[in-house]
């Protein structure tokens, strides 16, 4: 039986403010003009487009959300202690993703 990324744990961590902001994420967010509020809204949106539940040390997922008309991807992990770690956030490129911003283009 395969695991699936548990989005309810993401919601719980956000509501309890159990959030780790990785340095890489903060640097990229600054470069890309993404606020913490926008990133957390995407995370709370719970649209998992790539599920890496088998990742270790912690299950990871790529989520899609929107900042007005701007698509935003957030990569986060569910840490063993109940926190979420925001790993990175970015605006997906149409060179890498289809126009739905959910599907990776075939190489």
PDB file of N, CA and C in Angstrom:
ATOM      1  N   UNK A   1       0.842  -1.181   0.000  1.00  0.00           N
ATOM      2  CA  UNK A   1       0.000   0.000   0.000  1.00  0.00           C
ATOM      3  C   UNK A   1       0.890   1.249   0.000  1.00  0.00           C
ATOM      4  N   UNK A   2       0.620   2.180  -0.921  1.00  0.00           N
ATOM      5  CA  UNK A   2       1.441   3.383  -0.994  1.00  0.00           C
ATOM      6  C   UNK A   2       0.856   4.472  -0.110  1.00  0.00           C
ATOM      7  N   UNK A   3       1.757   5.243   0.479  1.00  0.00           N
ATOM      8  CA  UNK A   3       1.338   6.375   1.299  1.00  0.00           C
ATOM      9  C   UNK A   3       0.890   7.511   0.392  1.00  0.00           C
ATOM     10  N   UNK A   4       0.052   8.368   0.922  1.00  0.00           N
ATOM     11  CA  UNK A   4      -0.260   9.611   0.228  1.00  0.00           C
ATOM     12  C   UNK A   4       0.036  10.764   1.174  1.00  0.00           C
ATOM     13  N   UNK A   5       0.378  11.879   0.576  1.00  0.00           N
ATOM     14  CA  UNK A   5       0.731  13.063   1.349  1.00  0.00           C
ATOM     15  C   UNK A   5      -0.491  13.528   2.129  1.00  0.00           C
ATOM     16  N   UNK A   6      -0.343  13.697   3.428  1.00  0.00           N
ATOM     17  CA  UNK A   6      -1.465  14.024   4.312  1.00  0.00           C
ATOM     18  C   UNK A   6      -1.637  15.539   4.429  1.00  0.00           C
ATOM     19  N   UNK A   7      -2.532  16.093   3.613  1.00  0.00           N
ATOM     20  CA  UNK A   7      -2.739  17.547   3.596  1.00  0.00           C
ATOM     21  C   UNK A   7      -3.394  18.059   4.876  1.00  0.00           C
ATOM     22  N   UNK A   8      -4.100  17.204   5.598  1.00  0.00           N
ATOM     23  CA  UNK A   8      -4.701  17.670   6.856  1.00  0.00           C
ATOM     24  C   UNK A   8      -3.611  18.053   7.860  1.00  0.00           C
ATOM     25  N   UNK A   9      -2.475  17.373   7.796  1.00  0.00           N
ATOM     26  CA  UNK A   9      -1.356  17.718   8.679  1.00  0.00           C
ATOM     27  C   UNK A   9      -0.781  19.082   8.316  1.00  0.00           C
ATOM     28  N   UNK A  10      -0.819  19.429   7.033  1.00  0.00           N
ATOM     29  CA  UNK A  10      -0.349  20.750   6.601  1.00  0.00           C
ATOM     30  C   UNK A  10      -1.249  21.821   7.207  1.00  0.00           C
ATOM     31  N   UNK A  11      -2.558  21.647   7.067  1.00  0.00           N
ATOM     32  CA  UNK A  11      -3.516  22.607   7.649  1.00  0.00           C
ATOM     33  C   UNK A  11      -3.302  22.763   9.151  1.00  0.00           C
ATOM     34  N   UNK A  12      -3.168  21.631   9.837  1.00  0.00           N
ATOM     35  CA  UNK A  12      -2.964  21.676  11.292  1.00  0.00           C
ATOM     36  C   UNK A  12      -1.690  22.420  11.657  1.00  0.00           C
ATOM     37  N   UNK A  13      -0.618  22.147  10.946  1.00  0.00           N
ATOM     38  CA  UNK A  13       0.653  22.819  11.230  1.00  0.00           C
ATOM     39  C   UNK A  13       0.542  24.316  10.996  1.00  0.00           C
ATOM     40  N   UNK A  14      -0.143  24.712   9.931  1.00  0.00           N
ATOM     41  CA  UNK A  14      -0.314  26.139   9.649  1.00  0.00           C
ATOM     42  C   UNK A  14      -1.148  26.791  10.749  1.00  0.00           C
ATOM     43  N   UNK A  15      -2.256  26.158  11.122  1.00  0.00           N
ATOM     44  CA  UNK A  15      -3.126  26.758  12.146  1.00  0.00           C
ATOM     45  C   UNK A  15      -2.424  26.861  13.499  1.00  0.00           C
ATOM     46  N   UNK A  16      -1.506  25.936  13.762  1.00  0.00           N
ATOM     47  CA  UNK A  16      -0.750  25.965  15.020  1.00  0.00           C
ATOM     48  C   UNK A  16       0.564  26.739  14.885  1.00  0.00           C
ATOM     49  N   UNK A  17       0.785  27.314  13.713  1.00  0.00           N
ATOM     50  CA  UNK A  17       2.012  28.085  13.421  1.00  0.00           C
ATOM     51  C   UNK A  17       3.281  27.260  13.631  1.00  0.00           C
ATOM     52  N   UNK A  18       3.191  25.993  13.269  1.00  0.00           N
ATOM     53  CA  UNK A  18       4.360  25.107  13.334  1.00  0.00           C
ATOM     54  C   UNK A  18       4.986  25.064  11.941  1.00  0.00           C
ATOM     55  N   UNK A  19       5.736  26.112  11.628  1.00  0.00           N
ATOM     56  CA  UNK A  19       6.259  26.292  10.278  1.00  0.00           C
ATOM     57  C   UNK A  19       7.753  26.580  10.352  1.00  0.00           C
ATOM     58  N   UNK A  20       8.506  25.827   9.587  1.00  0.00           N
ATOM     59  CA  UNK A  20       9.942  26.075   9.442  1.00  0.00           C
ATOM     60  C   UNK A  20      10.138  26.700   8.064  1.00  0.00           C
ATOM     61  N   UNK A  21      10.767  27.851   8.027  1.00  0.00           N
ATOM     62  CA  UNK A  21      11.070  28.523   6.756  1.00  0.00           C
ATOM     63  C   UNK A  21      12.536  28.248   6.432  1.00  0.00           C
ATOM     64  N   UNK A  22      12.781  27.364   5.483  1.00  0.00           N
ATOM     65  CA  UNK A  22      14.160  27.065   5.092  1.00  0.00           C
ATOM     66  C   UNK A  22      14.799  28.304   4.469  1.00  0.00           C
ATOM     67  N   UNK A  23      16.072  28.463   4.714  1.00  0.00           N
ATOM     68  CA  UNK A  23      16.802  29.619   4.181  1.00  0.00           C
ATOM     69  C   UNK A  23      16.630  29.728   2.665  1.00  0.00           C
ATOM     70  N   UNK A  24      16.752  28.605   1.969  1.00  0.00           N
ATOM     71  CA  UNK A  24      16.586  28.598   0.514  1.00  0.00           C
ATOM     72  C   UNK A  24      15.225  29.170   0.124  1.00  0.00           C
ATOM     73  N   UNK A  25      14.186  28.749   0.813  1.00  0.00           N
ATOM     74  CA  UNK A  25      12.834  29.241   0.507  1.00  0.00           C
ATOM     75  C   UNK A  25      12.757  30.751   0.700  1.00  0.00           C
ATOM     76  N   UNK A  26      13.271  31.237   1.807  1.00  0.00           N
ATOM     77  CA  UNK A  26      13.208  32.679   2.082  1.00  0.00           C
ATOM     78  C   UNK A  26      13.989  33.483   1.043  1.00  0.00           C
ATOM     79  N   UNK A  27      15.149  32.972   0.643  1.00  0.00           N
ATOM     80  CA  UNK A  27      15.938  33.662  -0.384  1.00  0.00           C
ATOM     81  C   UNK A  27      15.190  33.700  -1.714  1.00  0.00           C
ATOM     82  N   UNK A  28      14.630  32.560  -2.115  1.00  0.00           N
ATOM     83  CA  UNK A  28      13.891  32.505  -3.391  1.00  0.00           C
ATOM     84  C   UNK A  28      12.624  33.359  -3.330  1.00  0.00           C
ATOM     85  N   UNK A  29      11.943  33.347  -2.193  1.00  0.00           N
ATOM     86  CA  UNK A  29      10.726  34.158  -2.050  1.00  0.00           C
ATOM     87  C   UNK A  29      11.044  35.641  -2.199  1.00  0.00           C
ATOM     88  N   UNK A  30      12.150  36.063  -1.628  1.00  0.00           N
ATOM     89  CA  UNK A  30      12.564  37.462  -1.748  1.00  0.00           C
ATOM     90  C   UNK A  30      12.858  37.801  -3.208  1.00  0.00           C
ATOM     91  N   UNK A  31      13.622  36.938  -3.880  1.00  0.00           N
ATOM     92  CA  UNK A  31      13.943  37.141  -5.301  1.00  0.00           C
ATOM     93  C   UNK A  31      12.686  37.187  -6.160  1.00  0.00           C
ATOM     94  N   UNK A  32      11.707  36.364  -5.818  1.00  0.00           N
ATOM     95  CA  UNK A  32      10.513  36.183  -6.658  1.00  0.00           C
ATOM     96  C   UNK A  32       9.317  37.005  -6.187  1.00  0.00           C
ATOM     97  N   UNK A  33       9.555  37.839  -5.190  1.00  0.00           N
ATOM     98  CA  UNK A  33       8.513  38.714  -4.655  1.00  0.00           C
ATOM     99  C   UNK A  33       7.278  37.935  -4.211  1.00  0.00           C
ATOM    100  N   UNK A  34       7.536  36.898  -3.425  1.00  0.00           N
ATOM    101  CA  UNK A  34       6.468  36.082  -2.845  1.00  0.00           C
ATOM    102  C   UNK A  34       6.451  36.303  -1.338  1.00  0.00           C
ATOM    103  N   UNK A  35       5.310  36.662  -0.808  1.00  0.00           N
ATOM    104  CA  UNK A  35       5.194  36.879   0.635  1.00  0.00           C
ATOM    105  C   UNK A  35       4.943  35.559   1.363  1.00  0.00           C
ATOM    106  N   UNK A  36       5.202  35.565   2.649  1.00  0.00           N
ATOM    107  CA  UNK A  36       4.890  34.392   3.469  1.00  0.00           C
ATOM    108  C   UNK A  36       3.390  34.108   3.433  1.00  0.00           C
ATOM    109  N   UNK A  37       2.592  35.154   3.411  1.00  0.00           N
ATOM    110  CA  UNK A  37       1.132  34.976   3.371  1.00  0.00           C
ATOM    111  C   UNK A  37       0.724  34.206   2.126  1.00  0.00           C
ATOM    112  N   UNK A  38       1.245  34.601   0.970  1.00  0.00           N
ATOM    113  CA  UNK A  38       0.909  33.912  -0.285  1.00  0.00           C
ATOM    114  C   UNK A  38       1.351  32.456  -0.223  1.00  0.00           C
ATOM    115  N   UNK A  39       2.562  32.213   0.245  1.00  0.00           N
ATOM    116  CA  UNK A  39       3.076  30.842   0.317  1.00  0.00           C
ATOM    117  C   UNK A  39       2.210  29.991   1.243  1.00  0.00           C
ATOM    118  N   UNK A  40       1.810  30.527   2.378  1.00  0.00           N
ATOM    119  CA  UNK A  40       0.954  29.763   3.295  1.00  0.00           C
ATOM    120  C   UNK A  40      -0.438  29.546   2.716  1.00  0.00           C
ATOM    121  N   UNK A  41      -0.952  30.507   1.952  1.00  0.00           N
ATOM    122  CA  UNK A  41      -2.249  30.312   1.294  1.00  0.00           C
ATOM    123  C   UNK A  41      -2.173  29.170   0.287  1.00  0.00           C
ATOM    124  N   UNK A  42      -1.073  29.099  -0.462  1.00  0.00           N
ATOM    125  CA  UNK A  42      -0.888  27.992  -1.408  1.00  0.00           C
ATOM    126  C   UNK A  42      -0.812  26.672  -0.643  1.00  0.00           C
ATOM    127  N   UNK A  43      -0.046  26.646   0.438  1.00  0.00           N
ATOM    128  CA  UNK A  43       0.086  25.421   1.233  1.00  0.00           C
ATOM    129  C   UNK A  43      -1.261  24.990   1.807  1.00  0.00           C
ATOM    130  N   UNK A  44      -2.043  25.937   2.272  1.00  0.00           N
ATOM    131  CA  UNK A  44      -3.353  25.625   2.855  1.00  0.00           C
ATOM    132  C   UNK A  44      -4.365  25.214   1.794  1.00  0.00           C
ATOM    133  N   UNK A  45      -4.124  25.621   0.547  1.00  0.00           N
ATOM    134  CA  UNK A  45      -5.008  25.283  -0.568  1.00  0.00           C
ATOM    135  C   UNK A  45      -5.069  23.776  -0.798  1.00  0.00           C
ATOM    136  N   UNK A  46      -3.973  23.109  -0.510  1.00  0.00           N
ATOM    137  CA  UNK A  46      -3.899  21.643  -0.521  1.00  0.00           C
ATOM    138  C   UNK A  46      -3.991  20.992  -1.883  1.00  0.00           C
ATOM    139  N   UNK A  47      -3.702  21.691  -2.958  1.00  0.00           N
ATOM    140  CA  UNK A  47      -3.717  21.015  -4.259  1.00  0.00           C
ATOM    141  C   UNK A  47      -2.341  20.415  -4.520  1.00  0.00           C
ATOM    142  N   UNK A  48      -2.208  19.154  -4.141  1.00  0.00           N
ATOM    143  CA  UNK A  48      -0.949  18.437  -4.336  1.00  0.00           C
ATOM    144  C   UNK A  48      -0.878  17.998  -5.791  1.00  0.00           C
ATOM    145  N   UNK A  49       0.183  18.435  -6.482  1.00  0.00           N
ATOM    146  CA  UNK A  49       0.329  18.026  -7.881  1.00  0.00           C
ATOM    147  C   UNK A  49       1.424  16.979  -8.059  1.00  0.00           C
ATOM    148  N   UNK A  50       2.344  16.900  -7.119  1.00  0.00           N
ATOM    149  CA  UNK A  50       3.341  15.828  -7.109  1.00  0.00           C
ATOM    150  C   UNK A  50       3.532  15.399  -5.659  1.00  0.00           C
ATOM    151  N   UNK A  51       3.366  14.117  -5.426  1.00  0.00           N
ATOM    152  CA  UNK A  51       3.383  13.547  -4.084  1.00  0.00           C
ATOM    153  C   UNK A  51       4.655  12.717  -3.916  1.00  0.00           C
ATOM    154  N   UNK A  52       5.489  13.125  -2.981  1.00  0.00           N
ATOM    155  CA  UNK A  52       6.719  12.394  -2.686  1.00  0.00           C
ATOM    156  C   UNK A  52       6.655  11.868  -1.254  1.00  0.00           C
ATOM    157  N   UNK A  53       5.593  11.141  -0.953  1.00  0.00           N
ATOM    158  CA  UNK A  53       5.375  10.636   0.410  1.00  0.00           C
ATOM    159  C   UNK A  53       6.483   9.709   0.881  1.00  0.00           C
ATOM    160  N   UNK A  54       7.149   9.062  -0.066  1.00  0.00           N
ATOM    161  CA  UNK A  54       8.216   8.130   0.302  1.00  0.00           C
ATOM    162  C   UNK A  54       9.537   8.839   0.591  1.00  0.00           C
ATOM    163  N   UNK A  55       9.612  10.138   0.348  1.00  0.00           N
ATOM    164  CA  UNK A  55      10.848  10.882   0.627  1.00  0.00           C
ATOM    165  C   UNK A  55      11.232  10.735   2.092  1.00  0.00           C
ATOM    166  N   UNK A  56      12.513  10.661   2.331  1.00  0.00           N
ATOM    167  CA  UNK A  56      13.042  10.610   3.681  1.00  0.00           C
ATOM    168  C   UNK A  56      14.111  11.672   3.802  1.00  0.00           C
ATOM    169  N   UNK A  57      14.208  12.329   4.910  1.00  0.00           N
ATOM    170  CA  UNK A  57      13.657  11.969   6.208  1.00  0.00           C
ATOM    171  C   UNK A  57      12.194  12.347   6.411  1.00  0.00           C
ATOM    172  N   UNK A  58      11.590  13.108   5.486  1.00  0.00           N
ATOM    173  CA  UNK A  58      10.198  13.522   5.694  1.00  0.00           C
ATOM    174  C   UNK A  58       9.442  13.501   4.369  1.00  0.00           C
ATOM    175  N   UNK A  59       8.159  13.124   4.402  1.00  0.00           N
ATOM    176  CA  UNK A  59       7.337  13.169   3.191  1.00  0.00           C
ATOM    177  C   UNK A  59       7.287  14.593   2.629  1.00  0.00           C
ATOM    178  N   UNK A  60       7.337  14.695   1.309  1.00  0.00           N
ATOM    179  CA  UNK A  60       7.401  15.986   0.630  1.00  0.00           C
ATOM    180  C   UNK A  60       6.347  16.030  -0.464  1.00  0.00           C
ATOM    181  N   UNK A  61       5.917  17.248  -0.812  1.00  0.00           N
ATOM    182  CA  UNK A  61       4.952  17.400  -1.901  1.00  0.00           C
ATOM    183  C   UNK A  61       5.162  18.738  -2.600  1.00  0.00           C
ATOM    184  N   UNK A  62       4.743  18.767  -3.861  1.00  0.00           N
ATOM    185  CA  UNK A  62       4.693  19.994  -4.650  1.00  0.00           C
ATOM    186  C   UNK A  62       3.230  20.392  -4.733  1.00  0.00           C
ATOM    187  N   UNK A  63       2.923  21.612  -4.311  1.00  0.00           N
ATOM    188  CA  UNK A  63       1.543  22.100  -4.305  1.00  0.00           C
ATOM    189  C   UNK A  63       1.387  23.256  -5.277  1.00  0.00           C
ATOM    190  N   UNK A  64       0.189  23.386  -5.818  1.00  0.00           N
ATOM    191  CA  UNK A  64      -0.155  24.481  -6.725  1.00  0.00           C
ATOM    192  C   UNK A  64      -1.209  25.356  -6.081  1.00  0.00           C
ATOM    193  N   UNK A  65      -1.011  26.644  -6.204  1.00  0.00           N
ATOM    194  CA  UNK A  65      -2.002  27.617  -5.765  1.00  0.00           C
ATOM    195  C   UNK A  65      -1.881  28.861  -6.621  1.00  0.00           C
ATOM    196  N   UNK A  66      -2.677  29.849  -6.301  1.00  0.00           N
ATOM    197  CA  UNK A  66      -2.729  31.057  -7.129  1.00  0.00           C
ATOM    198  C   UNK A  66      -2.637  32.307  -6.269  1.00  0.00           C
ATOM    199  N   UNK A  67      -1.886  33.267  -6.774  1.00  0.00           N
ATOM    200  CA  UNK A  67      -1.839  34.612  -6.208  1.00  0.00           C
ATOM    201  C   UNK A  67      -2.478  35.504  -7.261  1.00  0.00           C
ATOM    202  N   UNK A  68      -3.775  35.736  -7.113  1.00  0.00           N
ATOM    203  CA  UNK A  68      -4.598  36.379  -8.144  1.00  0.00           C
ATOM    204  C   UNK A  68      -4.524  35.508  -9.392  1.00  0.00           C
ATOM    205  N   UNK A  69      -3.948  35.998 -10.485  1.00  0.00           N
ATOM    206  CA  UNK A  69      -3.845  35.207 -11.720  1.00  0.00           C
ATOM    207  C   UNK A  69      -2.493  34.510 -11.854  1.00  0.00           C
ATOM    208  N   UNK A  70      -1.640  34.674 -10.878  1.00  0.00           N
ATOM    209  CA  UNK A  70      -0.270  34.154 -10.931  1.00  0.00           C
ATOM    210  C   UNK A  70      -0.200  32.760 -10.309  1.00  0.00           C
ATOM    211  N   UNK A  71       0.211  31.739 -11.092  1.00  0.00           N
ATOM    212  CA  UNK A  71       0.362  30.402 -10.516  1.00  0.00           C
ATOM    213  C   UNK A  71       1.595  30.357  -9.615  1.00  0.00           C
ATOM    214  N   UNK A  72       1.472  29.661  -8.503  1.00  0.00           N
ATOM    215  CA  UNK A  72       2.577  29.532  -7.556  1.00  0.00           C
ATOM    216  C   UNK A  72       2.724  28.060  -7.167  1.00  0.00           C
ATOM    217  N   UNK A  73       3.956  27.575  -7.192  1.00  0.00           N
ATOM    218  CA  UNK A  73       4.279  26.244  -6.687  1.00  0.00           C
ATOM    219  C   UNK A  73       5.001  26.392  -5.353  1.00  0.00           C
ATOM    220  N   UNK A  74       4.654  25.527  -4.417  1.00  0.00           N
ATOM    221  CA  UNK A  74       5.332  25.470  -3.124  1.00  0.00           C
ATOM    222  C   UNK A  74       5.743  24.021  -2.882  1.00  0.00           C
ATOM    223  N   UNK A  75       6.993  23.830  -2.509  1.00  0.00           N
ATOM    224  CA  UNK A  75       7.477  22.512  -2.109  1.00  0.00           C
ATOM    225  C   UNK A  75       7.636  22.550  -0.596  1.00  0.00           C
ATOM    226  N   UNK A  76       7.009  21.580   0.063  1.00  0.00           N
ATOM    227  CA  UNK A  76       7.104  21.522   1.524  1.00  0.00           C
ATOM    228  C   UNK A  76       7.192  20.087   1.993  1.00  0.00           C
ATOM    229  N   UNK A  77       7.635  19.942   3.226  1.00  0.00           N
ATOM    230  CA  UNK A  77       7.723  18.606   3.821  1.00  0.00           C
ATOM    231  C   UNK A  77       6.981  18.584   5.148  1.00  0.00           C
ATOM    232  N   UNK A  78       6.544  17.383   5.514  1.00  0.00           N
ATOM    233  CA  UNK A  78       5.897  17.147   6.811  1.00  0.00           C
ATOM    234  C   UNK A  78       6.949  16.574   7.748  1.00  0.00           C
ATOM    235  N   UNK A  79       7.391  17.382   8.678  1.00  0.00           N
ATOM    236  CA  UNK A  79       8.460  16.973   9.584  1.00  0.00           C
ATOM    237  C   UNK A  79       7.918  16.030  10.661  1.00  0.00           C
ATOM    238  N   UNK A  80       8.765  15.135  11.169  1.00  0.00           N
ATOM    239  CA  UNK A  80       8.317  14.151  12.159  1.00  0.00           C
ATOM    240  C   UNK A  80       7.720  14.770  13.426  1.00  0.00           C
ATOM    241  N   UNK A  81       8.128  15.984  13.774  1.00  0.00           N
ATOM    242  CA  UNK A  81       7.636  16.612  15.004  1.00  0.00           C
ATOM    243  C   UNK A  81       6.339  17.393  14.806  1.00  0.00           C
ATOM    244  N   UNK A  82       5.720  17.263  13.620  1.00  0.00           N
ATOM    245  CA  UNK A  82       4.444  17.928  13.382  1.00  0.00           C
ATOM    246  C   UNK A  82       4.553  19.279  12.709  1.00  0.00           C
ATOM    247  N   UNK A  83       5.768  19.729  12.460  1.00  0.00           N
ATOM    248  CA  UNK A  83       5.943  20.989  11.745  1.00  0.00           C
ATOM    249  C   UNK A  83       5.927  20.729  10.242  1.00  0.00           C
ATOM    250  N   UNK A  84       5.683  21.801   9.481  1.00  0.00           N
ATOM    251  CA  UNK A  84       5.922  21.726   8.043  1.00  0.00           C
ATOM    252  C   UNK A  84       7.155  22.570   7.757  1.00  0.00           C
ATOM    253  N   UNK A  85       7.922  22.141   6.772  1.00  0.00           N
ATOM    254  CA  UNK A  85       9.088  22.909   6.341  1.00  0.00           C
ATOM    255  C   UNK A  85       8.822  23.399   4.925  1.00  0.00           C
ATOM    256  N   UNK A  86       8.871  24.712   4.750  1.00  0.00           N
ATOM    257  CA  UNK A  86       8.735  25.301   3.421  1.00  0.00           C
ATOM    258  C   UNK A  86      10.121  25.237   2.793  1.00  0.00           C
ATOM    259  N   UNK A  87      10.243  24.465   1.715  1.00  0.00           N
ATOM    260  CA  UNK A  87      11.536  24.214   1.085  1.00  0.00           C
ATOM    261  C   UNK A  87      11.824  25.238  -0.006  1.00  0.00           C
ATOM    262  N   UNK A  88      10.835  25.501  -0.853  1.00  0.00           N
ATOM    263  CA  UNK A  88      10.983  26.524  -1.889  1.00  0.00           C
ATOM    264  C   UNK A  88       9.611  26.932  -2.398  1.00  0.00           C
ATOM    265  N   UNK A  89       9.582  28.047  -3.115  1.00  0.00           N
ATOM    266  CA  UNK A  89       8.348  28.549  -3.728  1.00  0.00           C
ATOM    267  C   UNK A  89       8.744  29.299  -4.990  1.00  0.00           C
ATOM    268  N   UNK A  90       7.937  29.140  -6.035  1.00  0.00           N
ATOM    269  CA  UNK A  90       8.278  29.764  -7.308  1.00  0.00           C
ATOM    270  C   UNK A  90       7.065  29.841  -8.226  1.00  0.00           C
ATOM    271  N   UNK A  91       7.195  30.639  -9.272  1.00  0.00           N
ATOM    272  CA  UNK A  91       6.193  30.698 -10.328  1.00  0.00           C
ATOM    273  C   UNK A  91       6.618  29.691 -11.391  1.00  0.00           C
ATOM    274  N   UNK A  92       5.796  28.671 -11.662  1.00  0.00           N
ATOM    275  CA  UNK A  92       6.203  27.632 -12.610  1.00  0.00           C
ATOM    276  C   UNK A  92       6.348  28.176 -14.030  1.00  0.00           C
ATOM    277  N   UNK A  93       7.298  27.610 -14.740  1.00  0.00           N
ATOM    278  CA  UNK A  93       7.588  28.016 -16.111  1.00  0.00           C
ATOM    279  C   UNK A  93       6.820  27.142 -17.102  1.00  0.00           C
ATOM    280  N   UNK A  94       6.332  27.759 -18.163  1.00  0.00           N
ATOM    281  CA  UNK A  94       5.660  26.992 -19.217  1.00  0.00           C
ATOM    282  C   UNK A  94       6.656  26.158 -20.024  1.00  0.00           C
ATOM    283  N   UNK A  95       7.941  26.388 -19.832  1.00  0.00           N
ATOM    284  CA  UNK A  95       8.949  25.534 -20.463  1.00  0.00           C
ATOM    285  C   UNK A  95       9.019  24.184 -19.757  1.00  0.00           C
ATOM    286  N   UNK A  96       8.639  24.160 -18.494  1.00  0.00           N
ATOM    287  CA  UNK A  96       8.714  22.935 -17.693  1.00  0.00           C
ATOM    288  C   UNK A  96       7.335  22.305 -17.497  1.00  0.00           C
ATOM    289  N   UNK A  97       6.300  23.142 -17.365  1.00  0.00           N
ATOM    290  CA  UNK A  97       4.945  22.659 -17.084  1.00  0.00           C
ATOM    291  C   UNK A  97       3.993  22.990 -18.223  1.00  0.00           C
ATOM    292  N   UNK A  98       2.973  22.148 -18.376  1.00  0.00           N
ATOM    293  CA  UNK A  98       1.896  22.425 -19.329  1.00  0.00           C
ATOM    294  C   UNK A  98       1.128  23.654 -18.850  1.00  0.00           C
ATOM    295  N   UNK A  99       0.216  24.144 -19.668  1.00  0.00           N
ATOM    296  CA  UNK A  99      -0.510  25.376 -19.347  1.00  0.00           C
ATOM    297  C   UNK A  99      -1.426  25.240 -18.128  1.00  0.00           C
ATOM    298  N   UNK A 100      -1.677  24.008 -17.680  1.00  0.00           N
ATOM    299  CA  UNK A 100      -2.463  23.830 -16.451  1.00  0.00           C
ATOM    300  C   UNK A 100      -1.598  24.015 -15.197  1.00  0.00           C
ATOM    301  N   UNK A 101      -0.290  24.107 -15.381  1.00  0.00           N
ATOM    302  CA  UNK A 101       0.696  24.271 -14.310  1.00  0.00           C
ATOM    303  C   UNK A 101       0.722  23.088 -13.345  1.00  0.00           C
ATOM    304  N   UNK A 102       0.068  21.998 -13.721  1.00  0.00           N
ATOM    305  CA  UNK A 102       0.021  20.790 -12.894  1.00  0.00           C
ATOM    306  C   UNK A 102       0.866  19.663 -13.496  1.00  0.00           C
ATOM    307  N   UNK A 103       0.986  19.672 -14.810  1.00  0.00           N
ATOM    308  CA  UNK A 103       1.587  18.564 -15.534  1.00  0.00           C
ATOM    309  C   UNK A 103       2.951  18.962 -16.082  1.00  0.00           C
ATOM    310  N   UNK A 104       3.962  18.155 -15.743  1.00  0.00           N
ATOM    311  CA  UNK A 104       5.293  18.420 -16.305  1.00  0.00           C
ATOM    312  C   UNK A 104       5.300  18.045 -17.783  1.00  0.00           C
ATOM    313  N   UNK A 105       5.981  18.853 -18.565  1.00  0.00           N
ATOM    314  CA  UNK A 105       6.141  18.547 -19.986  1.00  0.00           C
ATOM    315  C   UNK A 105       7.051  17.334 -20.126  1.00  0.00           C
ATOM    316  N   UNK A 106       6.785  16.545 -21.146  1.00  0.00           N
ATOM    317  CA  UNK A 106       7.642  15.396 -21.450  1.00  0.00           C
ATOM    318  C   UNK A 106       8.914  15.915 -22.109  1.00  0.00           C
ATOM    319  N   UNK A 107      10.065  15.351 -21.728  1.00  0.00           N
ATOM    320  CA  UNK A 107      11.330  15.818 -22.309  1.00  0.00           C
ATOM    321  C   UNK A 107      11.551  15.292 -23.700  1.00  0.00           C
TER     322      UNK A 107
END
